Amino acid sequence: MYGPATLHALLAFAAPDHILYGSDFPMLPEDWGTDFDTALDAYPNWEPGRLRAIDRGNAELLVPRLARTPVT
């Protein structure tokens, strides 16, 4: 489940630098993932740069070789 209430609760519980993007692809239909991405992008309370960190930046800090992998 996702949406503004869920994201608000998650951000109240976990420090933003401890949140990583994840999906259930390929186990769920692609359009479900697209809907989730749209909800993340539309969340109105992101601090500057926070969405980029959750999408990729926090993972790059945990696994540095990801920082050298081009985003496709």
N, C-alpha and C. Protein backbone atom coordinates (compact mmCIF):
# COMPACT_ATOMS: atom_id res chain seq x y z
N MET A 1 0.83 -1.17 0.00
CA MET A 1 0.00 0.00 0.00
C MET A 1 0.88 1.24 0.00
N TYR A 2 0.45 2.23 -0.68
CA TYR A 2 1.23 3.46 -0.77
C TYR A 2 0.30 4.64 -0.84
N GLY A 3 0.86 5.79 -0.62
CA GLY A 3 0.09 7.02 -0.69
C GLY A 3 0.61 8.01 0.34
N PRO A 4 0.06 9.22 0.34
CA PRO A 4 0.54 10.26 1.25
C PRO A 4 0.51 9.85 2.72
N ALA A 5 -0.55 9.18 3.17
CA ALA A 5 -0.62 8.78 4.58
C ALA A 5 0.45 7.76 4.92
N THR A 6 0.68 6.82 4.03
CA THR A 6 1.70 5.80 4.26
C THR A 6 3.09 6.42 4.29
N LEU A 7 3.37 7.30 3.34
CA LEU A 7 4.68 7.94 3.31
C LEU A 7 4.89 8.83 4.53
N HIS A 8 3.86 9.53 4.94
CA HIS A 8 3.95 10.38 6.13
C HIS A 8 4.29 9.52 7.35
N ALA A 9 3.62 8.38 7.50
CA ALA A 9 3.88 7.49 8.63
C ALA A 9 5.30 6.93 8.57
N LEU A 10 5.74 6.53 7.40
CA LEU A 10 7.10 6.01 7.24
C LEU A 10 8.13 7.06 7.61
N LEU A 11 7.94 8.29 7.12
CA LEU A 11 8.90 9.36 7.41
C LEU A 11 8.88 9.76 8.88
N ALA A 12 7.77 9.55 9.57
CA ALA A 12 7.70 9.82 11.01
C ALA A 12 8.43 8.74 11.80
N PHE A 13 8.53 7.55 11.23
CA PHE A 13 9.13 6.41 11.90
C PHE A 13 10.63 6.28 11.61
N ALA A 14 11.00 6.44 10.35
CA ALA A 14 12.37 6.18 9.91
C ALA A 14 13.03 7.46 9.42
N ALA A 15 14.30 7.60 9.72
CA ALA A 15 15.06 8.74 9.19
C ALA A 15 15.10 8.63 7.67
N PRO A 16 14.93 9.74 6.95
CA PRO A 16 14.90 9.68 5.49
C PRO A 16 16.14 9.03 4.86
N ASP A 17 17.28 9.13 5.54
CA ASP A 17 18.48 8.50 4.96
C ASP A 17 18.52 6.99 5.22
N HIS A 18 17.48 6.45 5.86
CA HIS A 18 17.36 5.01 6.08
C HIS A 18 16.28 4.38 5.21
N ILE A 19 15.77 5.14 4.26
CA ILE A 19 14.69 4.65 3.39
C ILE A 19 15.25 4.42 1.99
N LEU A 20 14.96 3.25 1.44
CA LEU A 20 15.39 2.90 0.09
C LEU A 20 14.17 2.55 -0.75
N TYR A 21 14.22 2.91 -2.01
CA TYR A 21 13.16 2.53 -2.94
C TYR A 21 13.22 1.03 -3.16
N GLY A 22 12.06 0.42 -3.26
CA GLY A 22 11.97 -0.99 -3.60
C GLY A 22 10.67 -1.24 -4.32
N SER A 23 10.64 -2.30 -5.07
CA SER A 23 9.41 -2.65 -5.77
C SER A 23 9.25 -4.16 -5.77
N ASP A 24 8.10 -4.61 -6.18
CA ASP A 24 7.84 -6.04 -6.29
C ASP A 24 7.97 -6.52 -7.73
N PHE A 25 8.55 -5.69 -8.59
CA PHE A 25 8.76 -6.09 -9.98
C PHE A 25 9.76 -7.24 -9.99
N PRO A 26 9.60 -8.27 -10.71
CA PRO A 26 8.61 -8.56 -11.74
C PRO A 26 7.41 -9.36 -11.25
N MET A 27 7.22 -9.47 -9.94
CA MET A 27 6.13 -10.29 -9.42
C MET A 27 4.76 -9.64 -9.56
N LEU A 28 4.72 -8.33 -9.69
CA LEU A 28 3.45 -7.62 -9.87
C LEU A 28 3.44 -6.96 -11.25
N PRO A 29 2.26 -6.65 -11.75
CA PRO A 29 2.17 -6.01 -13.06
C PRO A 29 2.92 -4.68 -13.10
N GLU A 30 3.48 -4.38 -14.24
CA GLU A 30 4.27 -3.15 -14.40
C GLU A 30 3.47 -1.90 -14.05
N ASP A 31 2.20 -1.86 -14.40
CA ASP A 31 1.41 -0.66 -14.12
C ASP A 31 1.27 -0.41 -12.62
N TRP A 32 1.33 -1.43 -11.79
CA TRP A 32 1.30 -1.22 -10.34
C TRP A 32 2.55 -0.46 -9.90
N GLY A 33 3.69 -0.84 -10.46
CA GLY A 33 4.93 -0.13 -10.15
C GLY A 33 4.90 1.30 -10.65
N THR A 34 4.33 1.50 -11.81
CA THR A 34 4.20 2.85 -12.36
C THR A 34 3.32 3.71 -11.48
N ASP A 35 2.23 3.13 -10.97
CA ASP A 35 1.36 3.87 -10.05
C ASP A 35 2.11 4.25 -8.78
N PHE A 36 2.91 3.33 -8.26
CA PHE A 36 3.69 3.60 -7.06
C PHE A 36 4.69 4.73 -7.32
N ASP A 37 5.39 4.67 -8.45
CA ASP A 37 6.35 5.72 -8.80
C ASP A 37 5.65 7.08 -8.91
N THR A 38 4.48 7.10 -9.52
CA THR A 38 3.73 8.34 -9.66
C THR A 38 3.35 8.90 -8.29
N ALA A 39 2.93 8.02 -7.37
CA ALA A 39 2.58 8.47 -6.02
C ALA A 39 3.80 9.03 -5.29
N LEU A 40 4.95 8.40 -5.44
CA LEU A 40 6.17 8.93 -4.82
C LEU A 40 6.52 10.30 -5.37
N ASP A 41 6.47 10.43 -6.68
CA ASP A 41 6.79 11.71 -7.32
C ASP A 41 5.83 12.82 -6.92
N ALA A 42 4.57 12.46 -6.69
CA ALA A 42 3.54 13.46 -6.39
C ALA A 42 3.45 13.82 -4.90
N TYR A 43 4.16 13.10 -4.04
CA TYR A 43 4.09 13.37 -2.61
C TYR A 43 4.49 14.82 -2.37
N PRO A 44 3.63 15.63 -1.73
CA PRO A 44 3.87 17.07 -1.65
C PRO A 44 4.88 17.51 -0.58
N ASN A 45 5.32 16.63 0.29
CA ASN A 45 6.15 17.05 1.42
C ASN A 45 7.63 16.66 1.31
N TRP A 46 8.11 16.39 0.12
CA TRP A 46 9.53 16.04 -0.02
C TRP A 46 10.40 17.25 0.26
N GLU A 47 11.43 17.06 1.05
CA GLU A 47 12.46 18.09 1.21
C GLU A 47 13.32 18.05 -0.05
N PRO A 48 13.96 19.16 -0.41
CA PRO A 48 14.79 19.17 -1.62
C PRO A 48 15.82 18.04 -1.60
N GLY A 49 15.89 17.29 -2.68
CA GLY A 49 16.86 16.22 -2.83
C GLY A 49 16.48 14.90 -2.17
N ARG A 50 15.42 14.89 -1.38
CA ARG A 50 15.06 13.69 -0.62
C ARG A 50 14.58 12.56 -1.53
N LEU A 51 13.76 12.87 -2.52
CA LEU A 51 13.26 11.82 -3.41
C LEU A 51 14.42 11.17 -4.16
N ARG A 52 15.36 11.96 -4.63
CA ARG A 52 16.54 11.41 -5.33
C ARG A 52 17.32 10.48 -4.41
N ALA A 53 17.43 10.85 -3.13
CA ALA A 53 18.15 10.01 -2.17
C ALA A 53 17.43 8.68 -1.98
N ILE A 54 16.11 8.72 -1.84
CA ILE A 54 15.35 7.49 -1.64
C ILE A 54 15.37 6.65 -2.91
N ASP A 55 15.26 7.28 -4.06
CA ASP A 55 15.28 6.54 -5.33
C ASP A 55 16.61 5.84 -5.57
N ARG A 56 17.72 6.47 -5.21
CA ARG A 56 19.02 5.89 -5.56
C ARG A 56 20.14 6.27 -4.61
N GLY A 57 20.18 7.51 -4.16
CA GLY A 57 21.32 8.01 -3.40
C GLY A 57 21.62 7.23 -2.13
N ASN A 58 20.60 6.86 -1.36
CA ASN A 58 20.84 6.12 -0.13
C ASN A 58 21.42 4.74 -0.43
N ALA A 59 20.97 4.11 -1.50
CA ALA A 59 21.52 2.81 -1.90
C ALA A 59 22.98 2.95 -2.34
N GLU A 60 23.31 4.05 -3.02
CA GLU A 60 24.70 4.27 -3.44
C GLU A 60 25.63 4.40 -2.24
N LEU A 61 25.14 4.94 -1.14
CA LEU A 61 25.96 5.05 0.06
C LEU A 61 26.20 3.68 0.69
N LEU A 62 25.22 2.80 0.61
CA LEU A 62 25.37 1.45 1.16
C LEU A 62 26.20 0.54 0.26
N VAL A 63 26.02 0.71 -1.06
CA VAL A 63 26.71 -0.13 -2.04
C VAL A 63 27.40 0.82 -3.03
N PRO A 64 28.63 1.25 -2.72
CA PRO A 64 29.29 2.28 -3.52
C PRO A 64 29.43 1.98 -5.01
N ARG A 65 29.50 0.70 -5.39
CA ARG A 65 29.64 0.41 -6.83
C ARG A 65 28.42 0.86 -7.61
N LEU A 66 27.27 1.00 -6.94
CA LEU A 66 26.07 1.51 -7.63
C LEU A 66 26.27 2.94 -8.12
N ALA A 67 27.07 3.72 -7.40
CA ALA A 67 27.32 5.10 -7.78
C ALA A 67 28.07 5.18 -9.10
N ARG A 68 28.76 4.12 -9.45
CA ARG A 68 29.51 4.12 -10.71
C ARG A 68 28.72 3.50 -11.86
N THR A 69 27.51 3.01 -11.56
CA THR A 69 26.67 2.37 -12.57
C THR A 69 25.76 3.42 -13.18
N PRO A 70 25.81 3.59 -14.51
CA PRO A 70 24.94 4.59 -15.13
C PRO A 70 23.46 4.26 -14.90
N VAL A 71 22.66 5.29 -14.71
CA VAL A 71 21.22 5.14 -14.57
C VAL A 71 20.64 5.03 -15.95
N THR A 72 19.83 4.00 -16.18
CA THR A 72 19.21 3.83 -17.51
C THR A 72 17.75 4.16 -17.46
